[in-house]
PDB file of all heavy atoms in Angstrom:
ATOM      1  N   ILE A   1      99.866 110.214  96.873  1.00  0.00           N
ATOM      2  CA  ILE A   1      99.894 108.816  97.302  1.00  0.00           C
ATOM      3  C   ILE A   1      98.741 108.644  98.278  1.00  0.00           C
ATOM      4  O   ILE A   1      98.693 109.321  99.304  1.00  0.00           O
ATOM      5  CB  ILE A   1     101.231 108.442  97.972  1.00  0.00           C
ATOM      6  CG1 ILE A   1     102.416 108.846  97.084  1.00  0.00           C
ATOM      7  CG2 ILE A   1     101.270 106.942  98.270  1.00  0.00           C
ATOM      8  CD1 ILE A   1     103.765 108.630  97.751  1.00  0.00           C
ATOM      9  N   VAL A   2      97.825 107.767  97.940  1.00  0.00           N
ATOM     10  CA  VAL A   2      96.569 107.654  98.677  1.00  0.00           C
ATOM     11  C   VAL A   2      96.405 106.239  99.218  1.00  0.00           C
ATOM     12  O   VAL A   2      96.377 105.268  98.445  1.00  0.00           O
ATOM     13  CB  VAL A   2      95.356 107.998  97.767  1.00  0.00           C
ATOM     14  CG1 VAL A   2      94.066 107.980  98.578  1.00  0.00           C
ATOM     15  CG2 VAL A   2      95.552 109.340  97.076  1.00  0.00           C
ATOM     16  N   VAL A   3      96.326 106.117 100.536  1.00  0.00           N
ATOM     17  CA  VAL A   3      95.932 104.859 101.165  1.00  0.00           C
ATOM     18  C   VAL A   3      94.424 104.910 101.346  1.00  0.00           C
ATOM     19  O   VAL A   3      93.895 105.795 102.025  1.00  0.00           O
ATOM     20  CB  VAL A   3      96.633 104.672 102.527  1.00  0.00           C
ATOM     21  CG1 VAL A   3      96.029 103.482 103.280  1.00  0.00           C
ATOM     22  CG2 VAL A   3      98.125 104.474 102.333  1.00  0.00           C
ATOM     23  N   THR A   4      93.719 103.995 100.693  1.00  0.00           N
ATOM     24  CA  THR A   4      92.255 104.035 100.748  1.00  0.00           C
ATOM     25  C   THR A   4      91.675 102.673 100.428  1.00  0.00           C
ATOM     26  O   THR A   4      92.304 101.852  99.743  1.00  0.00           O
ATOM     27  CB  THR A   4      91.696 105.084  99.763  1.00  0.00           C
ATOM     28  OG1 THR A   4      90.276 105.158  99.920  1.00  0.00           O
ATOM     29  CG2 THR A   4      92.009 104.729  98.312  1.00  0.00           C
ATOM     30  N   HIS A   5      90.464 102.442 100.939  1.00  0.00           N
ATOM     31  CA  HIS A   5      89.684 101.259 100.562  1.00  0.00           C
ATOM     32  C   HIS A   5      88.633 101.613  99.513  1.00  0.00           C
ATOM     33  O   HIS A   5      87.838 100.748  99.124  1.00  0.00           O
ATOM     34  CB  HIS A   5      89.015 100.656 101.800  1.00  0.00           C
ATOM     35  CG  HIS A   5      89.986 100.092 102.792  1.00  0.00           C
ATOM     36  ND1 HIS A   5      90.715  98.937 102.556  1.00  0.00           N
ATOM     37  CD2 HIS A   5      90.388 100.528 104.007  1.00  0.00           C
ATOM     38  CE1 HIS A   5      91.493  98.691 103.590  1.00  0.00           C
ATOM     39  NE2 HIS A   5      91.315  99.642 104.489  1.00  0.00           N
ATOM     40  N   GLU A   6      88.626 102.860  99.071  1.00  0.00           N
ATOM     41  CA  GLU A   6      87.648 103.298  98.068  1.00  0.00           C
ATOM     42  C   GLU A   6      88.143 102.896  96.682  1.00  0.00           C
ATOM     43  O   GLU A   6      88.779 103.661  95.964  1.00  0.00           O
ATOM     44  CB  GLU A   6      87.437 104.812  98.160  1.00  0.00           C
ATOM     45  CG  GLU A   6      86.856 105.290  99.477  1.00  0.00           C
ATOM     46  CD  GLU A   6      85.440 104.792  99.713  1.00  0.00           C
ATOM     47  OE1 GLU A   6      84.723 104.555  98.714  1.00  0.00           O
ATOM     48  OE2 GLU A   6      85.047 104.642 100.878  1.00  0.00           O
ATOM     49  N   MET A   7      87.820 101.676  96.283  1.00  0.00           N
ATOM     50  CA  MET A   7      88.367 101.139  95.038  1.00  0.00           C
ATOM     51  C   MET A   7      87.717 101.746  93.794  1.00  0.00           C
ATOM     52  O   MET A   7      88.309 101.727  92.721  1.00  0.00           O
ATOM     53  CB  MET A   7      88.252  99.613  95.022  1.00  0.00           C
ATOM     54  CG  MET A   7      89.184  98.927  96.021  1.00  0.00           C
ATOM     55  SD  MET A   7      90.956  99.217  95.679  1.00  0.00           S
ATOM     56  CE  MET A   7      91.392 100.362  96.994  1.00  0.00           C
ATOM     57  N   GLY A   8      86.507 102.303  93.945  1.00  0.00           N
ATOM     58  CA  GLY A   8      85.915 103.024  92.821  1.00  0.00           C
ATOM     59  C   GLY A   8      86.751 104.248  92.485  1.00  0.00           C
ATOM     60  O   GLY A   8      87.026 104.546  91.312  1.00  0.00           O
ATOM     61  N   PHE A   9      87.177 104.965  93.507  1.00  0.00           N
ATOM     62  CA  PHE A   9      88.071 106.108  93.336  1.00  0.00           C
ATOM     63  C   PHE A   9      89.383 105.654  92.713  1.00  0.00           C
ATOM     64  O   PHE A   9      89.901 106.283  91.778  1.00  0.00           O
ATOM     65  CB  PHE A   9      88.319 106.763  94.692  1.00  0.00           C
ATOM     66  CG  PHE A   9      89.405 107.803  94.699  1.00  0.00           C
ATOM     67  CD1 PHE A   9      89.130 109.110  94.334  1.00  0.00           C
ATOM     68  CD2 PHE A   9      90.703 107.465  95.067  1.00  0.00           C
ATOM     69  CE1 PHE A   9      90.140 110.078  94.341  1.00  0.00           C
ATOM     70  CE2 PHE A   9      91.709 108.421  95.082  1.00  0.00           C
ATOM     71  CZ  PHE A   9      91.423 109.728  94.714  1.00  0.00           C
ATOM     72  N   ALA A  10      89.938 104.562  93.230  1.00  0.00           N
ATOM     73  CA  ALA A  10      91.206 104.053  92.711  1.00  0.00           C
ATOM     74  C   ALA A  10      91.093 103.724  91.224  1.00  0.00           C
ATOM     75  O   ALA A  10      91.969 104.068  90.428  1.00  0.00           O
ATOM     76  CB  ALA A  10      91.628 102.805  93.498  1.00  0.00           C
ATOM     77  N   ARG A  11      90.012 103.091  90.866  1.00  0.00           N
ATOM     78  CA  ARG A  11      89.836 102.662  89.471  1.00  0.00           C
ATOM     79  C   ARG A  11      89.686 103.859  88.536  1.00  0.00           C
ATOM     80  O   ARG A  11      90.186 103.845  87.410  1.00  0.00           O
ATOM     81  CB  ARG A  11      88.597 101.765  89.379  1.00  0.00           C
ATOM     82  CG  ARG A  11      88.508 100.945  88.114  1.00  0.00           C
ATOM     83  CD  ARG A  11      87.482  99.839  88.266  1.00  0.00           C
ATOM     84  NE  ARG A  11      87.650  98.831  87.246  1.00  0.00           N
ATOM     85  CZ  ARG A  11      87.129  97.606  87.300  1.00  0.00           C
ATOM     86  NH1 ARG A  11      86.405  97.267  88.359  1.00  0.00           N
ATOM     87  NH2 ARG A  11      87.320  96.744  86.333  1.00  0.00           N
ATOM     88  N   GLU A  12      89.041 104.899  89.027  1.00  0.00           N
ATOM     89  CA  GLU A  12      88.734 106.053  88.177  1.00  0.00           C
ATOM     90  C   GLU A  12      89.884 107.047  88.085  1.00  0.00           C
ATOM     91  O   GLU A  12      90.123 107.635  87.021  1.00  0.00           O
ATOM     92  CB  GLU A  12      87.506 106.779  88.744  1.00  0.00           C
ATOM     93  CG  GLU A  12      87.133 108.047  88.024  1.00  0.00           C
ATOM     94  CD  GLU A  12      86.060 108.840  88.750  1.00  0.00           C
ATOM     95  OE1 GLU A  12      85.485 108.321  89.731  1.00  0.00           O
ATOM     96  OE2 GLU A  12      85.820 109.983  88.346  1.00  0.00           O
ATOM     97  N   VAL A  13      90.629 107.221  89.176  1.00  0.00           N
ATOM     98  CA  VAL A  13      91.517 108.375  89.278  1.00  0.00           C
ATOM     99  C   VAL A  13      92.999 108.023  89.188  1.00  0.00           C
ATOM    100  O   VAL A  13      93.782 108.768  88.602  1.00  0.00           O
ATOM    101  CB  VAL A  13      91.247 109.137  90.602  1.00  0.00           C
ATOM    102  CG1 VAL A  13      92.251 110.256  90.817  1.00  0.00           C
ATOM    103  CG2 VAL A  13      89.826 109.684  90.607  1.00  0.00           C
ATOM    104  N   CYS A  14      93.410 106.894  89.763  1.00  0.00           N
ATOM    105  CA  CYS A  14      94.847 106.700  89.938  1.00  0.00           C
ATOM    106  C   CYS A  14      95.528 106.171  88.687  1.00  0.00           C
ATOM    107  O   CYS A  14      94.902 105.571  87.807  1.00  0.00           O
ATOM    108  CB  CYS A  14      95.128 105.785  91.131  1.00  0.00           C
ATOM    109  SG  CYS A  14      94.835 104.048  90.840  1.00  0.00           S
ATOM    110  N   ASN A  15      96.836 106.409  88.617  1.00  0.00           N
ATOM    111  CA  ASN A  15      97.660 105.876  87.535  1.00  0.00           C
ATOM    112  C   ASN A  15      98.092 104.445  87.812  1.00  0.00           C
ATOM    113  O   ASN A  15      98.209 103.628  86.896  1.00  0.00           O
ATOM    114  CB  ASN A  15      98.924 106.731  87.352  1.00  0.00           C
ATOM    115  CG  ASN A  15      98.608 108.186  87.117  1.00  0.00           C
ATOM    116  OD1 ASN A  15      98.739 109.003  88.024  1.00  0.00           O
ATOM    117  ND2 ASN A  15      98.173 108.538  85.917  1.00  0.00           N
ATOM    118  N   ARG A  16      98.368 104.167  89.085  1.00  0.00           N
ATOM    119  CA  ARG A  16      98.853 102.851  89.487  1.00  0.00           C
ATOM    120  C   ARG A  16      98.237 102.445  90.806  1.00  0.00           C
ATOM    121  O   ARG A  16      97.983 103.297  91.653  1.00  0.00           O
ATOM    122  CB  ARG A  16     100.378 102.875  89.691  1.00  0.00           C
ATOM    123  CG  ARG A  16     101.213 102.509  88.501  1.00  0.00           C
ATOM    124  CD  ARG A  16     102.673 102.375  88.908  1.00  0.00           C
ATOM    125  NE  ARG A  16     103.274 103.617  89.343  1.00  0.00           N
ATOM    126  CZ  ARG A  16     104.352 103.689  90.120  1.00  0.00           C
ATOM    127  NH1 ARG A  16     104.912 102.598  90.599  1.00  0.00           N
ATOM    128  NH2 ARG A  16     104.849 104.869  90.458  1.00  0.00           N
ATOM    129  N   ILE A  17      98.015 101.175  90.961  1.00  0.00           N
ATOM    130  CA  ILE A  17      97.653 100.612  92.260  1.00  0.00           C
ATOM    131  C   ILE A  17      98.839  99.798  92.756  1.00  0.00           C
ATOM    132  O   ILE A  17      99.386  98.962  92.029  1.00  0.00           O
ATOM    133  CB  ILE A  17      96.387  99.746  92.183  1.00  0.00           C
ATOM    134  CG1 ILE A  17      95.177 100.615  91.822  1.00  0.00           C
ATOM    135  CG2 ILE A  17      96.143  99.019  93.507  1.00  0.00           C
ATOM    136  CD1 ILE A  17      93.875  99.863  91.692  1.00  0.00           C
ATOM    137  N   VAL A  18      99.249 100.089  93.982  1.00  0.00           N
ATOM    138  CA  VAL A  18     100.331  99.352  94.630  1.00  0.00           C
ATOM    139  C   VAL A  18      99.691  98.526  95.740  1.00  0.00           C
ATOM    140  O   VAL A  18      99.093  99.082  96.667  1.00  0.00           O
ATOM    141  CB  VAL A  18     101.388 100.324  95.200  1.00  0.00           C
ATOM    142  CG1 VAL A  18     102.440  99.556  95.988  1.00  0.00           C
ATOM    143  CG2 VAL A  18     102.025 101.141  94.087  1.00  0.00           C
ATOM    144  N   PHE A  19      99.793  97.214  95.630  1.00  0.00           N
ATOM    145  CA  PHE A  19      99.150  96.321  96.600  1.00  0.00           C
ATOM    146  C   PHE A  19     100.206  95.792  97.568  1.00  0.00           C
ATOM    147  O   PHE A  19     101.200  95.179  97.159  1.00  0.00           O
ATOM    148  CB  PHE A  19      98.463  95.153  95.887  1.00  0.00           C
ATOM    149  CG  PHE A  19      97.774  94.190  96.814  1.00  0.00           C
ATOM    150  CD1 PHE A  19      96.589  94.542  97.441  1.00  0.00           C
ATOM    151  CD2 PHE A  19      98.324  92.941  97.078  1.00  0.00           C
ATOM    152  CE1 PHE A  19      95.946  93.663  98.316  1.00  0.00           C
ATOM    153  CE2 PHE A  19      97.692  92.056  97.939  1.00  0.00           C
ATOM    154  CZ  PHE A  19      96.505  92.417  98.551  1.00  0.00           C
ATOM    155  N   ILE A  20     100.005  96.079  98.858  1.00  0.00           N
ATOM    156  CA  ILE A  20     100.935  95.660  99.909  1.00  0.00           C
ATOM    157  C   ILE A  20     100.300  94.544 100.731  1.00  0.00           C
ATOM    158  O   ILE A  20      99.129  94.624 101.103  1.00  0.00           O
ATOM    159  CB  ILE A  20     101.309  96.842 100.827  1.00  0.00           C
ATOM    160  CG1 ILE A  20     102.103  97.896 100.045  1.00  0.00           C
ATOM    161  CG2 ILE A  20     102.132  96.370 102.012  1.00  0.00           C
ATOM    162  CD1 ILE A  20     102.602  99.042 100.911  1.00  0.00           C
ATOM    163  N   ASP A  21     101.097  93.527 101.013  1.00  0.00           N
ATOM    164  CA  ASP A  21     100.631  92.440 101.876  1.00  0.00           C
ATOM    165  C   ASP A  21     101.801  91.998 102.751  1.00  0.00           C
ATOM    166  O   ASP A  21     102.892  91.720 102.239  1.00  0.00           O
ATOM    167  CB  ASP A  21     100.122  91.265 101.035  1.00  0.00           C
ATOM    168  CG  ASP A  21      99.515  90.175 101.898  1.00  0.00           C
ATOM    169  OD1 ASP A  21      98.502  90.438 102.569  1.00  0.00           O
ATOM    170  OD2 ASP A  21     100.073  89.054 101.910  1.00  0.00           O
ATOM    171  N   GLY A  22     101.599  91.977 104.061  1.00  0.00           N
ATOM    172  CA  GLY A  22     102.649  91.556 104.973  1.00  0.00           C
ATOM    173  C   GLY A  22     103.904  92.402 104.882  1.00  0.00           C
ATOM    174  O   GLY A  22     105.021  91.897 105.064  1.00  0.00           O
ATOM    175  N   GLY A  23     103.724  93.697 104.616  1.00  0.00           N
ATOM    176  CA  GLY A  23     104.865  94.603 104.564  1.00  0.00           C
ATOM    177  C   GLY A  23     105.654  94.559 103.275  1.00  0.00           C
ATOM    178  O   GLY A  23     106.688  95.226 103.154  1.00  0.00           O
ATOM    179  N   LYS A  24     105.178  93.795 102.296  1.00  0.00           N
ATOM    180  CA  LYS A  24     105.860  93.702 101.001  1.00  0.00           C
ATOM    181  C   LYS A  24     104.927  94.172  99.881  1.00  0.00           C
ATOM    182  O   LYS A  24     103.711  93.962  99.948  1.00  0.00           O
ATOM    183  CB  LYS A  24     106.273  92.251 100.697  1.00  0.00           C
ATOM    184  CG  LYS A  24     107.293  91.652 101.651  1.00  0.00           C
ATOM    185  CD  LYS A  24     107.568  90.199 101.274  1.00  0.00           C
ATOM    186  CE  LYS A  24     108.571  89.559 102.225  1.00  0.00           C
ATOM    187  NZ  LYS A  24     109.935  90.061 102.005  1.00  0.00           N
ATOM    188  N   ILE A  25     105.500  94.805  98.859  1.00  0.00           N
ATOM    189  CA  ILE A  25     104.730  95.115  97.662  1.00  0.00           C
ATOM    190  C   ILE A  25     104.672  93.852  96.817  1.00  0.00           C
ATOM    191  O   ILE A  25     105.699  93.365  96.329  1.00  0.00           O
ATOM    192  CB  ILE A  25     105.365  96.275  96.865  1.00  0.00           C
ATOM    193  CG1 ILE A  25     105.289  97.570  97.674  1.00  0.00           C
ATOM    194  CG2 ILE A  25     104.654  96.445  95.514  1.00  0.00           C
ATOM    195  CD1 ILE A  25     105.933  98.769  96.996  1.00  0.00           C
ATOM    196  N   VAL A  26     103.477  93.309  96.685  1.00  0.00           N
ATOM    197  CA  VAL A  26     103.336  92.058  95.936  1.00  0.00           C
ATOM    198  C   VAL A  26     102.772  92.284  94.537  1.00  0.00           C
ATOM    199  O   VAL A  26     102.800  91.375  93.700  1.00  0.00           O
ATOM    200  CB  VAL A  26     102.458  91.032  96.696  1.00  0.00           C
ATOM    201  CG1 VAL A  26     103.107  90.651  98.010  1.00  0.00           C
ATOM    202  CG2 VAL A  26     101.059  91.574  96.945  1.00  0.00           C
ATOM    203  N   GLU A  27     102.281  93.511  94.289  1.00  0.00           N
ATOM    204  CA  GLU A  27     101.726  93.779  92.951  1.00  0.00           C
ATOM    205  C   GLU A  27     101.711  95.284  92.685  1.00  0.00           C
ATOM    206  O   GLU A  27     101.396  96.088  93.579  1.00  0.00           O
ATOM    207  CB  GLU A  27     100.294  93.238  92.875  1.00  0.00           C
ATOM    208  CG  GLU A  27      99.715  93.267  91.487  1.00  0.00           C
ATOM    209  CD  GLU A  27      99.303  91.884  90.995  1.00  0.00           C
ATOM    210  OE1 GLU A  27      99.342  90.913  91.781  1.00  0.00           O
ATOM    211  OE2 GLU A  27      98.930  91.795  89.824  1.00  0.00           O
ATOM    212  N   GLU A  28     102.094  95.658  91.491  1.00  0.00           N
ATOM    213  CA  GLU A  28     101.959  97.027  90.989  1.00  0.00           C
ATOM    214  C   GLU A  28     101.347  96.935  89.610  1.00  0.00           C
ATOM    215  O   GLU A  28     101.862  96.227  88.750  1.00  0.00           O
ATOM    216  CB  GLU A  28     103.331  97.710  90.860  1.00  0.00           C
ATOM    217  CG  GLU A  28     103.904  98.314  92.084  1.00  0.00           C
ATOM    218  CD  GLU A  28     105.181  99.081  91.766  1.00  0.00           C
ATOM    219  OE1 GLU A  28     105.086 100.178  91.163  1.00  0.00           O
ATOM    220  OE2 GLU A  28     106.264  98.582  92.112  1.00  0.00           O
ATOM    221  N   ALA A  29     100.263  97.671  89.381  1.00  0.00           N
ATOM    222  CA  ALA A  29      99.595  97.554  88.085  1.00  0.00           C
ATOM    223  C   ALA A  29      98.717  98.761  87.838  1.00  0.00           C
ATOM    224  O   ALA A  29      98.377  99.508  88.770  1.00  0.00           O
ATOM    225  CB  ALA A  29      98.753  96.276  88.050  1.00  0.00           C
ATOM    226  N   SER A  30      98.331  98.947  86.598  1.00  0.00           N
ATOM    227  CA  SER A  30      97.314  99.938  86.278  1.00  0.00           C
ATOM    228  C   SER A  30      96.002  99.487  86.903  1.00  0.00           C
ATOM    229  O   SER A  30      95.821  98.282  87.172  1.00  0.00           O
ATOM    230  CB  SER A  30      97.146 100.054  84.761  1.00  0.00           C
ATOM    231  OG  SER A  30      96.550  98.861  84.247  1.00  0.00           O
ATOM    232  N   PRO A  31      95.071 100.423  87.153  1.00  0.00           N
ATOM    233  CA  PRO A  31      93.790 100.003  87.743  1.00  0.00           C
ATOM    234  C   PRO A  31      93.093  98.912  86.938  1.00  0.00           C
ATOM    235  O   PRO A  31      92.594  97.928  87.514  1.00  0.00           O
ATOM    236  CB  PRO A  31      92.979 101.302  87.756  1.00  0.00           C
ATOM    237  CG  PRO A  31      93.991 102.387  87.803  1.00  0.00           C
ATOM    238  CD  PRO A  31      95.146 101.896  86.997  1.00  0.00           C
ATOM    239  N   GLU A  32      93.080  99.057  85.617  1.00  0.00           N
ATOM    240  CA  GLU A  32      92.378  98.073  84.782  1.00  0.00           C
ATOM    241  C   GLU A  32      93.011  96.695  84.923  1.00  0.00           C
ATOM    242  O   GLU A  32      92.318  95.684  85.105  1.00  0.00           O
ATOM    243  CB  GLU A  32      92.407  98.525  83.317  1.00  0.00           C
ATOM    244  CG  GLU A  32      91.535  97.680  82.394  1.00  0.00           C
ATOM    245  CD  GLU A  32      90.062  97.703  82.784  1.00  0.00           C
ATOM    246  OE1 GLU A  32      89.598  98.715  83.341  1.00  0.00           O
ATOM    247  OE2 GLU A  32      89.374  96.689  82.534  1.00  0.00           O
ATOM    248  N   GLU A  33      94.329  96.651  84.889  1.00  0.00           N
ATOM    249  CA  GLU A  33      95.018  95.369  85.012  1.00  0.00           C
ATOM    250  C   GLU A  33      94.834  94.774  86.398  1.00  0.00           C
ATOM    251  O   GLU A  33      94.614  93.563  86.551  1.00  0.00           O
ATOM    252  CB  GLU A  33      96.512  95.555  84.713  1.00  0.00           C
ATOM    253  CG  GLU A  33      97.300  94.262  84.708  1.00  0.00           C
ATOM    254  CD  GLU A  33      98.763  94.473  84.354  1.00  0.00           C
ATOM    255  OE1 GLU A  33      99.146  95.629  84.087  1.00  0.00           O
ATOM    256  OE2 GLU A  33      99.515  93.489  84.373  1.00  0.00           O
ATOM    257  N   PHE A  34      94.887  95.632  87.431  1.00  0.00           N
ATOM    258  CA  PHE A  34      94.749  95.144  88.799  1.00  0.00           C
ATOM    259  C   PHE A  34      93.379  94.523  89.028  1.00  0.00           C
ATOM    260  O   PHE A  34      93.265  93.455  89.633  1.00  0.00           O
ATOM    261  CB  PHE A  34      94.980  96.292  89.785  1.00  0.00           C
ATOM    262  CG  PHE A  34      94.912  95.875  91.224  1.00  0.00           C
ATOM    263  CD1 PHE A  34      95.985  95.247  91.833  1.00  0.00           C
ATOM    264  CD2 PHE A  34      93.776  96.122  91.984  1.00  0.00           C
ATOM    265  CE1 PHE A  34      95.934  94.861  93.170  1.00  0.00           C
ATOM    266  CE2 PHE A  34      93.711  95.742  93.319  1.00  0.00           C
ATOM    267  CZ  PHE A  34      94.795  95.107  93.906  1.00  0.00           C
ATOM    268  N   PHE A  35      92.336  95.174  88.536  1.00  0.00           N
ATOM    269  CA  PHE A  35      90.982  94.688  88.802  1.00  0.00           C
ATOM    270  C   PHE A  35      90.550  93.545  87.888  1.00  0.00           C
ATOM    271  O   PHE A  35      89.648  92.789  88.239  1.00  0.00           O
ATOM    272  CB  PHE A  35      89.980  95.842  88.706  1.00  0.00           C
ATOM    273  CG  PHE A  35      90.021  96.768  89.884  1.00  0.00           C
ATOM    274  CD1 PHE A  35      90.555  98.044  89.775  1.00  0.00           C
ATOM    275  CD2 PHE A  35      89.547  96.365  91.123  1.00  0.00           C
ATOM    276  CE1 PHE A  35      90.613  98.896  90.863  1.00  0.00           C
ATOM    277  CE2 PHE A  35      89.596  97.210  92.217  1.00  0.00           C
ATOM    278  CZ  PHE A  35      90.133  98.482  92.094  1.00  0.00           C
ATOM    279  N   THR A  36      91.161  93.420  86.733  1.00  0.00           N
ATOM    280  CA  THR A  36      90.729  92.375  85.799  1.00  0.00           C
ATOM    281  C   THR A  36      91.731  91.246  85.638  1.00  0.00           C
ATOM    282  O   THR A  36      91.358  90.151  85.213  1.00  0.00           O
ATOM    283  CB  THR A  36      90.457  92.973  84.402  1.00  0.00           C
ATOM    284  OG1 THR A  36      91.674  93.550  83.894  1.00  0.00           O
ATOM    285  CG2 THR A  36      89.377  94.041  84.468  1.00  0.00           C
ATOM    286  N   ASN A  37      93.010  91.508  85.994  1.00  0.00           N
ATOM    287  CA  ASN A  37      94.018  90.487  85.714  1.00  0.00           C
ATOM    288  C   ASN A  37      95.148  90.534  86.737  1.00  0.00           C
ATOM    289  O   ASN A  37      96.329  90.521  86.373  1.00  0.00           O
ATOM    290  CB  ASN A  37      94.571  90.701  84.288  1.00  0.00           C
ATOM    291  CG  ASN A  37      95.422  89.534  83.829  1.00  0.00           C
ATOM    292  OD1 ASN A  37      95.174  88.395  84.202  1.00  0.00           O
ATOM    293  ND2 ASN A  37      96.446  89.829  83.040  1.00  0.00           N
ATOM    294  N   ALA A  38      94.789  90.604  88.009  1.00  0.00           N
ATOM    295  CA  ALA A  38      95.824  90.612  89.061  1.00  0.00           C
ATOM    296  C   ALA A  38      96.637  89.331  88.990  1.00  0.00           C
ATOM    297  O   ALA A  38      96.094  88.240  88.772  1.00  0.00           O
ATOM    298  CB  ALA A  38      95.170  90.755  90.429  1.00  0.00           C
TER     299      ALA A  38
END
């Protein structure tokens, strides 16, 4: 589980991106879906 701002790494390596805002998970998606169709 990686907290990072390195989105190139996220796009290349991770299975899922979990996006947190205001203490809530507002989005869970594959890297491709997150970057192209959030």
